[in-house]
Amino acid sequence: MELISRTQGTALVLTVSGRIDHAHASAFEAALAPHLQRCTASGTPLVLDFSGVDFISSVGLRVLMLAAKQVKQQQGKLALAALTPIVHEVFQVSRFNLVLKVLASVDQAVLALAS
């Protein structure tokens, strides 16, 4: 699992790659934590680019659920973008597409969070 950050428009885009499973979920959670702290009402919107994520397990979904809960409490803005087909299917089956804002591309996510 790898996480690379960049700024696009007013949002911080975190490009995630690899697997988010039992072996990597803790590292993902730790890498995500400082960015979540800055994702507040007056802070920076956060887009997670999942175009490079080839697998996510229930442990990875739990990390995302906790992240969504934290951002909501902080009144921040969080979106996921560019899910791979297998990850998209996991999100649909688990109904996580109803828990998190999921958009087809990073550009769409950045625009959605700007408003």
PDB file of N, CA and C in Angstrom:
ATOM      1  N   MET A   1       0.850  -1.169   0.000  1.00  0.00           N
ATOM      2  CA  MET A   1       0.000   0.000   0.000  1.00  0.00           C
ATOM      3  C   MET A   1       0.896   1.231   0.000  1.00  0.00           C
ATOM      4  N   GLU A   2       0.588   2.148  -0.881  1.00  0.00           N
ATOM      5  CA  GLU A   2       1.349   3.386  -0.997  1.00  0.00           C
ATOM      6  C   GLU A   2       0.382   4.562  -1.072  1.00  0.00           C
ATOM      7  N   LEU A   3       0.793   5.704  -0.501  1.00  0.00           N
ATOM      8  CA  LEU A   3      -0.045   6.896  -0.472  1.00  0.00           C
ATOM      9  C   LEU A   3       0.805   8.088  -0.907  1.00  0.00           C
ATOM     10  N   ILE A   4       0.377   8.769  -1.976  1.00  0.00           N
ATOM     11  CA  ILE A   4       1.092   9.933  -2.495  1.00  0.00           C
ATOM     12  C   ILE A   4       0.122  11.108  -2.493  1.00  0.00           C
ATOM     13  N   SER A   5       0.567  12.267  -1.996  1.00  0.00           N
ATOM     14  CA  SER A   5      -0.324  13.430  -1.913  1.00  0.00           C
ATOM     15  C   SER A   5       0.063  14.503  -2.916  1.00  0.00           C
ATOM     16  N   ARG A   6      -0.975  15.220  -3.371  1.00  0.00           N
ATOM     17  CA  ARG A   6      -0.775  16.376  -4.239  1.00  0.00           C
ATOM     18  C   ARG A   6      -1.976  17.293  -4.066  1.00  0.00           C
ATOM     19  N   THR A   7      -1.823  18.541  -4.432  1.00  0.00           N
ATOM     20  CA  THR A   7      -2.923  19.494  -4.379  1.00  0.00           C
ATOM     21  C   THR A   7      -3.512  19.649  -5.769  1.00  0.00           C
ATOM     22  N   GLN A   8      -4.834  19.650  -5.838  1.00  0.00           N
ATOM     23  CA  GLN A   8      -5.534  19.900  -7.096  1.00  0.00           C
ATOM     24  C   GLN A   8      -6.686  20.830  -6.774  1.00  0.00           C
ATOM     25  N   GLY A   9      -6.635  22.014  -7.335  1.00  0.00           N
ATOM     26  CA  GLY A   9      -7.641  23.020  -7.008  1.00  0.00           C
ATOM     27  C   GLY A   9      -7.540  23.346  -5.527  1.00  0.00           C
ATOM     28  N   THR A  10      -8.663  23.278  -4.832  1.00  0.00           N
ATOM     29  CA  THR A  10      -8.661  23.571  -3.400  1.00  0.00           C
ATOM     30  C   THR A  10      -8.550  22.301  -2.559  1.00  0.00           C
ATOM     31  N   ALA A  11      -8.479  21.147  -3.222  1.00  0.00           N
ATOM     32  CA  ALA A  11      -8.482  19.872  -2.501  1.00  0.00           C
ATOM     33  C   ALA A  11      -7.094  19.249  -2.413  1.00  0.00           C
ATOM     34  N   LEU A  12      -6.936  18.429  -1.401  1.00  0.00           N
ATOM     35  CA  LEU A  12      -5.757  17.579  -1.282  1.00  0.00           C
ATOM     36  C   LEU A  12      -6.156  16.226  -1.843  1.00  0.00           C
ATOM     37  N   VAL A  13      -5.410  15.742  -2.817  1.00  0.00           N
ATOM     38  CA  VAL A  13      -5.681  14.447  -3.434  1.00  0.00           C
ATOM     39  C   VAL A  13      -4.636  13.459  -2.943  1.00  0.00           C
ATOM     40  N   LEU A  14      -5.116  12.386  -2.350  1.00  0.00           N
ATOM     41  CA  LEU A  14      -4.232  11.313  -1.902  1.00  0.00           C
ATOM     42  C   LEU A  14      -4.424  10.140  -2.855  1.00  0.00           C
ATOM     43  N   THR A  15      -3.378   9.816  -3.590  1.00  0.00           N
ATOM     44  CA  THR A  15      -3.421   8.688  -4.510  1.00  0.00           C
ATOM     45  C   THR A  15      -2.980   7.450  -3.752  1.00  0.00           C
ATOM     46  N   VAL A  16      -3.884   6.495  -3.658  1.00  0.00           N
ATOM     47  CA  VAL A  16      -3.641   5.269  -2.911  1.00  0.00           C
ATOM     48  C   VAL A  16      -3.412   4.155  -3.930  1.00  0.00           C
ATOM     49  N   SER A  17      -2.413   3.319  -3.672  1.00  0.00           N
ATOM     50  CA  SER A  17      -2.181   2.197  -4.579  1.00  0.00           C
ATOM     51  C   SER A  17      -1.852   0.938  -3.791  1.00  0.00           C
ATOM     52  N   GLY A  18      -2.131  -0.188  -4.419  1.00  0.00           N
ATOM     53  CA  GLY A  18      -1.870  -1.473  -3.782  1.00  0.00           C
ATOM     54  C   GLY A  18      -3.124  -2.061  -3.167  1.00  0.00           C
ATOM     55  N   ARG A  19      -2.895  -2.919  -2.185  1.00  0.00           N
ATOM     56  CA  ARG A  19      -3.989  -3.606  -1.491  1.00  0.00           C
ATOM     57  C   ARG A  19      -4.240  -2.952  -0.139  1.00  0.00           C
ATOM     58  N   ILE A  20      -5.496  -2.840   0.223  1.00  0.00           N
ATOM     59  CA  ILE A  20      -5.848  -2.375   1.563  1.00  0.00           C
ATOM     60  C   ILE A  20      -6.540  -3.561   2.230  1.00  0.00           C
ATOM     61  N   ASP A  21      -5.721  -4.418   2.792  1.00  0.00           N
ATOM     62  CA  ASP A  21      -6.203  -5.635   3.427  1.00  0.00           C
ATOM     63  C   ASP A  21      -5.666  -5.701   4.854  1.00  0.00           C
ATOM     64  N   HIS A  22      -5.818  -6.842   5.483  1.00  0.00           N
ATOM     65  CA  HIS A  22      -5.401  -6.998   6.878  1.00  0.00           C
ATOM     66  C   HIS A  22      -3.919  -6.619   7.073  1.00  0.00           C
ATOM     67  N   ALA A  23      -3.086  -6.970   6.123  1.00  0.00           N
ATOM     68  CA  ALA A  23      -1.655  -6.698   6.240  1.00  0.00           C
ATOM     69  C   ALA A  23      -1.307  -5.218   6.069  1.00  0.00           C
ATOM     70  N   HIS A  24      -2.171  -4.447   5.384  1.00  0.00           N
ATOM     71  CA  HIS A  24      -1.841  -3.062   5.060  1.00  0.00           C
ATOM     72  C   HIS A  24      -2.790  -2.017   5.645  1.00  0.00           C
ATOM     73  N   ALA A  25      -3.865  -2.437   6.261  1.00  0.00           N
ATOM     74  CA  ALA A  25      -4.873  -1.489   6.751  1.00  0.00           C
ATOM     75  C   ALA A  25      -4.320  -0.557   7.829  1.00  0.00           C
ATOM     76  N   SER A  26      -3.497  -1.069   8.710  1.00  0.00           N
ATOM     77  CA  SER A  26      -2.927  -0.225   9.772  1.00  0.00           C
ATOM     78  C   SER A  26      -2.030   0.860   9.190  1.00  0.00           C
ATOM     79  N   ALA A  27      -1.235   0.492   8.197  1.00  0.00           N
ATOM     80  CA  ALA A  27      -0.356   1.477   7.550  1.00  0.00           C
ATOM     81  C   ALA A  27      -1.194   2.529   6.818  1.00  0.00           C
ATOM     82  N   PHE A  28      -2.267   2.090   6.173  1.00  0.00           N
ATOM     83  CA  PHE A  28      -3.171   3.017   5.486  1.00  0.00           C
ATOM     84  C   PHE A  28      -3.807   3.980   6.486  1.00  0.00           C
ATOM     85  N   GLU A  29      -4.280   3.447   7.597  1.00  0.00           N
ATOM     86  CA  GLU A  29      -4.909   4.270   8.632  1.00  0.00           C
ATOM     87  C   GLU A  29      -3.927   5.293   9.187  1.00  0.00           C
ATOM     88  N   ALA A  30      -2.701   4.865   9.446  1.00  0.00           N
ATOM     89  CA  ALA A  30      -1.677   5.767   9.991  1.00  0.00           C
ATOM     90  C   ALA A  30      -1.296   6.845   8.982  1.00  0.00           C
ATOM     91  N   ALA A  31      -1.190   6.472   7.708  1.00  0.00           N
ATOM     92  CA  ALA A  31      -0.824   7.444   6.678  1.00  0.00           C
ATOM     93  C   ALA A  31      -1.954   8.446   6.437  1.00  0.00           C
ATOM     94  N   LEU A  32      -3.184   8.006   6.602  1.00  0.00           N
ATOM     95  CA  LEU A  32      -4.348   8.845   6.376  1.00  0.00           C
ATOM     96  C   LEU A  32      -4.618   9.816   7.531  1.00  0.00           C
ATOM     97  N   ALA A  33      -4.268   9.423   8.737  1.00  0.00           N
ATOM     98  CA  ALA A  33      -4.614  10.173   9.956  1.00  0.00           C
ATOM     99  C   ALA A  33      -4.251  11.661   9.922  1.00  0.00           C
ATOM    100  N   PRO A  34      -3.030  12.046   9.587  1.00  0.00           N
ATOM    101  CA  PRO A  34      -2.715  13.492   9.617  1.00  0.00           C
ATOM    102  C   PRO A  34      -3.520  14.299   8.593  1.00  0.00           C
ATOM    103  N   HIS A  35      -3.859  13.684   7.481  1.00  0.00           N
ATOM    104  CA  HIS A  35      -4.658  14.371   6.463  1.00  0.00           C
ATOM    105  C   HIS A  35      -6.102  14.539   6.925  1.00  0.00           C
ATOM    106  N   LEU A  36      -6.612  13.555   7.636  1.00  0.00           N
ATOM    107  CA  LEU A  36      -7.973  13.638   8.168  1.00  0.00           C
ATOM    108  C   LEU A  36      -8.095  14.747   9.201  1.00  0.00           C
ATOM    109  N   GLN A  37      -7.053  14.956   9.979  1.00  0.00           N
ATOM    110  CA  GLN A  37      -7.085  16.009  11.000  1.00  0.00           C
ATOM    111  C   GLN A  37      -7.258  17.383  10.378  1.00  0.00           C
ATOM    112  N   ARG A  38      -6.740  17.571   9.171  1.00  0.00           N
ATOM    113  CA  ARG A  38      -6.841  18.867   8.493  1.00  0.00           C
ATOM    114  C   ARG A  38      -8.106  18.985   7.643  1.00  0.00           C
ATOM    115  N   CYS A  39      -8.877  17.924   7.574  1.00  0.00           N
ATOM    116  CA  CYS A  39     -10.104  17.908   6.771  1.00  0.00           C
ATOM    117  C   CYS A  39     -11.275  18.363   7.642  1.00  0.00           C
ATOM    118  N   THR A  40     -11.359  19.678   7.839  1.00  0.00           N
ATOM    119  CA  THR A  40     -12.368  20.283   8.700  1.00  0.00           C
ATOM    120  C   THR A  40     -13.211  21.273   7.884  1.00  0.00           C
ATOM    121  N   ALA A  41     -14.193  21.881   8.530  1.00  0.00           N
ATOM    122  CA  ALA A  41     -15.057  22.853   7.849  1.00  0.00           C
ATOM    123  C   ALA A  41     -14.239  23.986   7.239  1.00  0.00           C
ATOM    124  N   SER A  42     -13.219  24.437   7.931  1.00  0.00           N
ATOM    125  CA  SER A  42     -12.387  25.526   7.409  1.00  0.00           C
ATOM    126  C   SER A  42     -11.073  25.010   6.826  1.00  0.00           C
ATOM    127  N   GLY A  43     -10.918  23.704   6.782  1.00  0.00           N
ATOM    128  CA  GLY A  43      -9.688  23.100   6.296  1.00  0.00           C
ATOM    129  C   GLY A  43      -9.777  22.691   4.834  1.00  0.00           C
ATOM    130  N   THR A  44      -8.949  21.733   4.490  1.00  0.00           N
ATOM    131  CA  THR A  44      -8.804  21.299   3.110  1.00  0.00           C
ATOM    132  C   THR A  44      -9.689  20.090   2.792  1.00  0.00           C
ATOM    133  N   PRO A  45     -10.510  20.175   1.739  1.00  0.00           N
ATOM    134  CA  PRO A  45     -11.259  18.999   1.301  1.00  0.00           C
ATOM    135  C   PRO A  45     -10.283  17.891   0.884  1.00  0.00           C
ATOM    136  N   LEU A  46     -10.699  16.654   1.049  1.00  0.00           N
ATOM    137  CA  LEU A  46      -9.822  15.515   0.815  1.00  0.00           C
ATOM    138  C   LEU A  46     -10.443  14.563  -0.198  1.00  0.00           C
ATOM    139  N   VAL A  47      -9.680  14.240  -1.239  1.00  0.00           N
ATOM    140  CA  VAL A  47     -10.090  13.278  -2.250  1.00  0.00           C
ATOM    141  C   VAL A  47      -9.135  12.097  -2.184  1.00  0.00           C
ATOM    142  N   LEU A  48      -9.707  10.902  -2.053  1.00  0.00           N
ATOM    143  CA  LEU A  48      -8.910   9.683  -2.087  1.00  0.00           C
ATOM    144  C   LEU A  48      -9.032   9.092  -3.485  1.00  0.00           C
ATOM    145  N   ASP A  49      -7.930   9.108  -4.228  1.00  0.00           N
ATOM    146  CA  ASP A  49      -7.874   8.566  -5.585  1.00  0.00           C
ATOM    147  C   ASP A  49      -7.564   7.080  -5.474  1.00  0.00           C
ATOM    148  N   PHE A  50      -8.560   6.245  -5.735  1.00  0.00           N
ATOM    149  CA  PHE A  50      -8.425   4.796  -5.595  1.00  0.00           C
ATOM    150  C   PHE A  50      -8.138   4.102  -6.926  1.00  0.00           C
ATOM    151  N   SER A  51      -7.696   4.843  -7.925  1.00  0.00           N
ATOM    152  CA  SER A  51      -7.439   4.243  -9.238  1.00  0.00           C
ATOM    153  C   SER A  51      -6.359   3.164  -9.191  1.00  0.00           C
ATOM    154  N   GLY A  52      -5.507   3.203  -8.172  1.00  0.00           N
ATOM    155  CA  GLY A  52      -4.440   2.217  -8.056  1.00  0.00           C
ATOM    156  C   GLY A  52      -4.689   1.148  -7.010  1.00  0.00           C
ATOM    157  N   VAL A  53      -5.885   1.139  -6.416  1.00  0.00           N
ATOM    158  CA  VAL A  53      -6.213   0.147  -5.386  1.00  0.00           C
ATOM    159  C   VAL A  53      -6.815  -1.069  -6.082  1.00  0.00           C
ATOM    160  N   ASP A  54      -6.122  -2.204  -5.976  1.00  0.00           N
ATOM    161  CA  ASP A  54      -6.611  -3.399  -6.664  1.00  0.00           C
ATOM    162  C   ASP A  54      -7.399  -4.342  -5.764  1.00  0.00           C
ATOM    163  N   PHE A  55      -7.464  -4.042  -4.453  1.00  0.00           N
ATOM    164  CA  PHE A  55      -8.246  -4.879  -3.538  1.00  0.00           C
ATOM    165  C   PHE A  55      -8.466  -4.128  -2.237  1.00  0.00           C
ATOM    166  N   ILE A  56      -9.659  -4.270  -1.658  1.00  0.00           N
ATOM    167  CA  ILE A  56      -9.934  -3.736  -0.329  1.00  0.00           C
ATOM    168  C   ILE A  56     -10.751  -4.774   0.435  1.00  0.00           C
ATOM    169  N   SER A  57     -10.336  -5.042   1.662  1.00  0.00           N
ATOM    170  CA  SER A  57     -11.034  -6.017   2.503  1.00  0.00           C
ATOM    171  C   SER A  57     -11.927  -5.280   3.498  1.00  0.00           C
ATOM    172  N   SER A  58     -12.605  -6.045   4.321  1.00  0.00           N
ATOM    173  CA  SER A  58     -13.478  -5.451   5.329  1.00  0.00           C
ATOM    174  C   SER A  58     -12.682  -4.593   6.311  1.00  0.00           C
ATOM    175  N   VAL A  59     -11.436  -4.947   6.552  1.00  0.00           N
ATOM    176  CA  VAL A  59     -10.593  -4.148   7.452  1.00  0.00           C
ATOM    177  C   VAL A  59     -10.302  -2.789   6.814  1.00  0.00           C
ATOM    178  N   GLY A  60     -10.086  -2.769   5.516  1.00  0.00           N
ATOM    179  CA  GLY A  60      -9.890  -1.509   4.800  1.00  0.00           C
ATOM    180  C   GLY A  60     -11.150  -0.672   4.780  1.00  0.00           C
ATOM    181  N   LEU A  61     -12.299  -1.332   4.609  1.00  0.00           N
ATOM    182  CA  LEU A  61     -13.572  -0.612   4.648  1.00  0.00           C
ATOM    183  C   LEU A  61     -13.798   0.014   6.017  1.00  0.00           C
ATOM    184  N   ARG A  62     -13.375  -0.676   7.052  1.00  0.00           N
ATOM    185  CA  ARG A  62     -13.514  -0.138   8.412  1.00  0.00           C
ATOM    186  C   ARG A  62     -12.704   1.150   8.556  1.00  0.00           C
ATOM    187  N   VAL A  63     -11.495   1.172   8.003  1.00  0.00           N
ATOM    188  CA  VAL A  63     -10.672   2.387   8.053  1.00  0.00           C
ATOM    189  C   VAL A  63     -11.405   3.534   7.363  1.00  0.00           C
ATOM    190  N   LEU A  64     -12.011   3.254   6.217  1.00  0.00           N
ATOM    191  CA  LEU A  64     -12.747   4.292   5.498  1.00  0.00           C
ATOM    192  C   LEU A  64     -13.988   4.743   6.261  1.00  0.00           C
ATOM    193  N   MET A  65     -14.667   3.810   6.908  1.00  0.00           N
ATOM    194  CA  MET A  65     -15.845   4.165   7.693  1.00  0.00           C
ATOM    195  C   MET A  65     -15.461   5.097   8.852  1.00  0.00           C
ATOM    196  N   LEU A  66     -14.389   4.775   9.541  1.00  0.00           N
ATOM    197  CA  LEU A  66     -13.921   5.630  10.639  1.00  0.00           C
ATOM    198  C   LEU A  66     -13.472   6.990  10.123  1.00  0.00           C
ATOM    199  N   ALA A  67     -12.834   7.010   8.953  1.00  0.00           N
ATOM    200  CA  ALA A  67     -12.410   8.277   8.347  1.00  0.00           C
ATOM    201  C   ALA A  67     -13.630   9.133   8.007  1.00  0.00           C
ATOM    202  N   ALA A  68     -14.649   8.517   7.417  1.00  0.00           N
ATOM    203  CA  ALA A  68     -15.866   9.255   7.073  1.00  0.00           C
ATOM    204  C   ALA A  68     -16.542   9.818   8.315  1.00  0.00           C
ATOM    205  N   LYS A  69     -16.569   9.029   9.366  1.00  0.00           N
ATOM    206  CA  LYS A  69     -17.173   9.477  10.626  1.00  0.00           C
ATOM    207  C   LYS A  69     -16.413  10.664  11.206  1.00  0.00           C
ATOM    208  N   GLN A  70     -15.072  10.577  11.202  1.00  0.00           N
ATOM    209  CA  GLN A  70     -14.253  11.673  11.730  1.00  0.00           C
ATOM    210  C   GLN A  70     -14.463  12.947  10.925  1.00  0.00           C
ATOM    211  N   VAL A  71     -14.435  12.845   9.611  1.00  0.00           N
ATOM    212  CA  VAL A  71     -14.598  14.020   8.751  1.00  0.00           C
ATOM    213  C   VAL A  71     -15.986  14.629   8.938  1.00  0.00           C
ATOM    214  N   LYS A  72     -16.993  13.796   9.076  1.00  0.00           N
ATOM    215  CA  LYS A  72     -18.351  14.305   9.296  1.00  0.00           C
ATOM    216  C   LYS A  72     -18.425  15.075  10.608  1.00  0.00           C
ATOM    217  N   GLN A  73     -17.828  14.545  11.667  1.00  0.00           N
ATOM    218  CA  GLN A  73     -17.819  15.229  12.965  1.00  0.00           C
ATOM    219  C   GLN A  73     -17.085  16.566  12.882  1.00  0.00           C
ATOM    220  N   GLN A  74     -16.067  16.624  12.044  1.00  0.00           N
ATOM    221  CA  GLN A  74     -15.272  17.848  11.880  1.00  0.00           C
ATOM    222  C   GLN A  74     -15.889  18.789  10.842  1.00  0.00           C
ATOM    223  N   GLN A  75     -16.983  18.362  10.236  1.00  0.00           N
ATOM    224  CA  GLN A  75     -17.675  19.123   9.192  1.00  0.00           C
ATOM    225  C   GLN A  75     -16.795  19.363   7.979  1.00  0.00           C
ATOM    226  N   GLY A  76     -15.914  18.406   7.707  1.00  0.00           N
ATOM    227  CA  GLY A  76     -15.052  18.488   6.540  1.00  0.00           C
ATOM    228  C   GLY A  76     -15.691  17.841   5.328  1.00  0.00           C
ATOM    229  N   LYS A  77     -14.935  17.797   4.239  1.00  0.00           N
ATOM    230  CA  LYS A  77     -15.424  17.224   2.985  1.00  0.00           C
ATOM    231  C   LYS A  77     -14.455  16.133   2.530  1.00  0.00           C
ATOM    232  N   LEU A  78     -15.016  14.953   2.251  1.00  0.00           N
ATOM    233  CA  LEU A  78     -14.230  13.794   1.836  1.00  0.00           C
ATOM    234  C   LEU A  78     -14.947  13.091   0.693  1.00  0.00           C
ATOM    235  N   ALA A  79     -14.182  12.687  -0.316  1.00  0.00           N
ATOM    236  CA  ALA A  79     -14.744  11.910  -1.426  1.00  0.00           C
ATOM    237  C   ALA A  79     -13.719  10.896  -1.900  1.00  0.00           C
ATOM    238  N   LEU A  80     -14.227   9.823  -2.467  1.00  0.00           N
ATOM    239  CA  LEU A  80     -13.393   8.822  -3.120  1.00  0.00           C
ATOM    240  C   LEU A  80     -13.606   8.945  -4.615  1.00  0.00           C
ATOM    241  N   ALA A  81     -12.569   8.617  -5.373  1.00  0.00           N
ATOM    242  CA  ALA A  81     -12.665   8.756  -6.820  1.00  0.00           C
ATOM    243  C   ALA A  81     -11.947   7.620  -7.531  1.00  0.00           C
ATOM    244  N   ALA A  82     -12.421   7.353  -8.740  1.00  0.00           N
ATOM    245  CA  ALA A  82     -11.757   6.449  -9.676  1.00  0.00           C
ATOM    246  C   ALA A  82     -11.559   5.041  -9.120  1.00  0.00           C
ATOM    247  N   LEU A  83     -12.623   4.478  -8.566  1.00  0.00           N
ATOM    248  CA  LEU A  83     -12.527   3.115  -8.038  1.00  0.00           C
ATOM    249  C   LEU A  83     -12.282   2.133  -9.173  1.00  0.00           C
ATOM    250  N   THR A  84     -11.407   1.171  -8.939  1.00  0.00           N
ATOM    251  CA  THR A  84     -11.196   0.104  -9.908  1.00  0.00           C
ATOM    252  C   THR A  84     -12.443  -0.776  -9.918  1.00  0.00           C
ATOM    253  N   PRO A  85     -12.664  -1.543 -10.972  1.00  0.00           N
ATOM    254  CA  PRO A  85     -13.889  -2.353 -11.051  1.00  0.00           C
ATOM    255  C   PRO A  85     -14.107  -3.279  -9.848  1.00  0.00           C
ATOM    256  N   ILE A  86     -13.079  -3.940  -9.376  1.00  0.00           N
ATOM    257  CA  ILE A  86     -13.241  -4.861  -8.245  1.00  0.00           C
ATOM    258  C   ILE A  86     -13.571  -4.099  -6.963  1.00  0.00           C
ATOM    259  N   VAL A  87     -12.927  -2.973  -6.751  1.00  0.00           N
ATOM    260  CA  VAL A  87     -13.209  -2.162  -5.559  1.00  0.00           C
ATOM    261  C   VAL A  87     -14.602  -1.554  -5.665  1.00  0.00           C
ATOM    262  N   HIS A  88     -14.974  -1.131  -6.860  1.00  0.00           N
ATOM    263  CA  HIS A  88     -16.315  -0.595  -7.075  1.00  0.00           C
ATOM    264  C   HIS A  88     -17.376  -1.649  -6.728  1.00  0.00           C
ATOM    265  N   GLU A  89     -17.126  -2.875  -7.134  1.00  0.00           N
ATOM    266  CA  GLU A  89     -18.060  -3.959  -6.823  1.00  0.00           C
ATOM    267  C   GLU A  89     -18.163  -4.193  -5.317  1.00  0.00           C
ATOM    268  N   VAL A  90     -17.023  -4.158  -4.618  1.00  0.00           N
ATOM    269  CA  VAL A  90     -17.022  -4.313  -3.157  1.00  0.00           C
ATOM    270  C   VAL A  90     -17.838  -3.189  -2.518  1.00  0.00           C
ATOM    271  N   PHE A  91     -17.683  -1.977  -3.015  1.00  0.00           N
ATOM    272  CA  PHE A  91     -18.429  -0.840  -2.476  1.00  0.00           C
ATOM    273  C   PHE A  91     -19.927  -1.004  -2.704  1.00  0.00           C
ATOM    274  N   GLN A  92     -20.316  -1.498  -3.869  1.00  0.00           N
ATOM    275  CA  GLN A  92     -21.739  -1.686  -4.148  1.00  0.00           C
ATOM    276  C   GLN A  92     -22.332  -2.788  -3.279  1.00  0.00           C
ATOM    277  N   VAL A  93     -21.635  -3.921  -3.178  1.00  0.00           N
ATOM    278  CA  VAL A  93     -22.140  -5.042  -2.390  1.00  0.00           C
ATOM    279  C   VAL A  93     -22.241  -4.671  -0.911  1.00  0.00           C
ATOM    280  N   SER A  94     -21.240  -3.962  -0.406  1.00  0.00           N
ATOM    281  CA  SER A  94     -21.221  -3.576   1.011  1.00  0.00           C
ATOM    282  C   SER A  94     -22.019  -2.301   1.281  1.00  0.00           C
ATOM    283  N   ARG A  95     -22.477  -1.654   0.200  1.00  0.00           N
ATOM    284  CA  ARG A  95     -23.253  -0.411   0.280  1.00  0.00           C
ATOM    285  C   ARG A  95     -22.433   0.769   0.796  1.00  0.00           C
ATOM    286  N   PHE A  96     -21.116   0.683   0.676  1.00  0.00           N
ATOM    287  CA  PHE A  96     -20.256   1.785   1.083  1.00  0.00           C
ATOM    288  C   PHE A  96     -20.394   2.974   0.150  1.00  0.00           C
ATOM    289  N   ASN A  97     -20.924   2.746  -1.038  1.00  0.00           N
ATOM    290  CA  ASN A  97     -21.183   3.872  -1.935  1.00  0.00           C
ATOM    291  C   ASN A  97     -22.279   4.777  -1.374  1.00  0.00           C
ATOM    292  N   LEU A  98     -23.004   4.305  -0.347  1.00  0.00           N
ATOM    293  CA  LEU A  98     -23.996   5.137   0.331  1.00  0.00           C
ATOM    294  C   LEU A  98     -23.412   5.837   1.558  1.00  0.00           C
ATOM    295  N   VAL A  99     -22.295   5.315   2.062  1.00  0.00           N
ATOM    296  CA  VAL A  99     -21.635   5.871   3.246  1.00  0.00           C
ATOM    297  C   VAL A  99     -20.696   7.010   2.851  1.00  0.00           C
ATOM    298  N   LEU A 100     -20.025   6.832   1.736  1.00  0.00           N
ATOM    299  CA  LEU A 100     -19.038   7.799   1.259  1.00  0.00           C
ATOM    300  C   LEU A 100     -19.441   8.363  -0.092  1.00  0.00           C
ATOM    301  N   LYS A 101     -19.030   9.584  -0.354  1.00  0.00           N
ATOM    302  CA  LYS A 101     -19.254  10.182  -1.673  1.00  0.00           C
ATOM    303  C   LYS A 101     -18.240   9.542  -2.624  1.00  0.00           C
ATOM    304  N   VAL A 102     -18.736   8.873  -3.660  1.00  0.00           N
ATOM    305  CA  VAL A 102     -17.883   8.185  -4.624  1.00  0.00           C
ATOM    306  C   VAL A 102     -18.158   8.762  -6.003  1.00  0.00           C
ATOM    307  N   LEU A 103     -17.085   9.226  -6.657  1.00  0.00           N
ATOM    308  CA  LEU A 103     -17.229   9.817  -7.987  1.00  0.00           C
ATOM    309  C   LEU A 103     -16.326   9.086  -8.981  1.00  0.00           C
ATOM    310  N   ALA A 104     -16.650   9.224 -10.254  1.00  0.00           N
ATOM    311  CA  ALA A 104     -15.962   8.465 -11.296  1.00  0.00           C
ATOM    312  C   ALA A 104     -14.514   8.900 -11.512  1.00  0.00           C
ATOM    313  N   SER A 105     -14.222  10.181 -11.302  1.00  0.00           N
ATOM    314  CA  SER A 105     -12.861  10.670 -11.555  1.00  0.00           C
ATOM    315  C   SER A 105     -12.421  11.637 -10.457  1.00  0.00           C
ATOM    316  N   VAL A 106     -11.138  11.838 -10.392  1.00  0.00           N
ATOM    317  CA  VAL A 106     -10.574  12.794  -9.430  1.00  0.00           C
ATOM    318  C   VAL A 106     -11.069  14.201  -9.751  1.00  0.00           C
ATOM    319  N   ASP A 107     -11.103  14.545 -11.032  1.00  0.00           N
ATOM    320  CA  ASP A 107     -11.582  15.876 -11.426  1.00  0.00           C
ATOM    321  C   ASP A 107     -13.014  16.116 -10.946  1.00  0.00           C
ATOM    322  N   GLN A 108     -13.881  15.117 -11.113  1.00  0.00           N
ATOM    323  CA  GLN A 108     -15.266  15.248 -10.649  1.00  0.00           C
ATOM    324  C   GLN A 108     -15.331  15.388  -9.136  1.00  0.00           C
ATOM    325  N   ALA A 109     -14.493  14.642  -8.431  1.00  0.00           N
ATOM    326  CA  ALA A 109     -14.476  14.710  -6.972  1.00  0.00           C
ATOM    327  C   ALA A 109     -14.013  16.072  -6.490  1.00  0.00           C
ATOM    328  N   VAL A 110     -12.970  16.602  -7.098  1.00  0.00           N
ATOM    329  CA  VAL A 110     -12.461  17.924  -6.711  1.00  0.00           C
ATOM    330  C   VAL A 110     -13.539  18.979  -6.945  1.00  0.00           C
ATOM    331  N   LEU A 111     -14.215  18.910  -8.077  1.00  0.00           N
ATOM    332  CA  LEU A 111     -15.296  19.869  -8.371  1.00  0.00           C
ATOM    333  C   LEU A 111     -16.447  19.731  -7.385  1.00  0.00           C
ATOM    334  N   ALA A 112     -16.814  18.495  -7.047  1.00  0.00           N
ATOM    335  CA  ALA A 112     -17.925  18.264  -6.122  1.00  0.00           C
ATOM    336  C   ALA A 112     -17.617  18.813  -4.743  1.00  0.00           C
ATOM    337  N   LEU A 113     -16.386  18.706  -4.312  1.00  0.00           N
ATOM    338  CA  LEU A 113     -16.017  19.188  -2.971  1.00  0.00           C
ATOM    339  C   LEU A 113     -15.782  20.693  -2.931  1.00  0.00           C
ATOM    340  N   ALA A 114     -15.600  21.297  -4.103  1.00  0.00           N
ATOM    341  CA  ALA A 114     -15.370  22.752  -4.150  1.00  0.00           C
ATOM    342  C   ALA A 114     -16.649  23.530  -3.886  1.00  0.00           C
ATOM    343  N   SER A 115     -17.793  22.913  -4.104  1.00  0.00           N
ATOM    344  CA  SER A 115     -19.055  23.644  -3.931  1.00  0.00           C
ATOM    345  C   SER A 115     -19.591  23.513  -2.526  1.00  0.00           C
TER     346      SER A 115
END
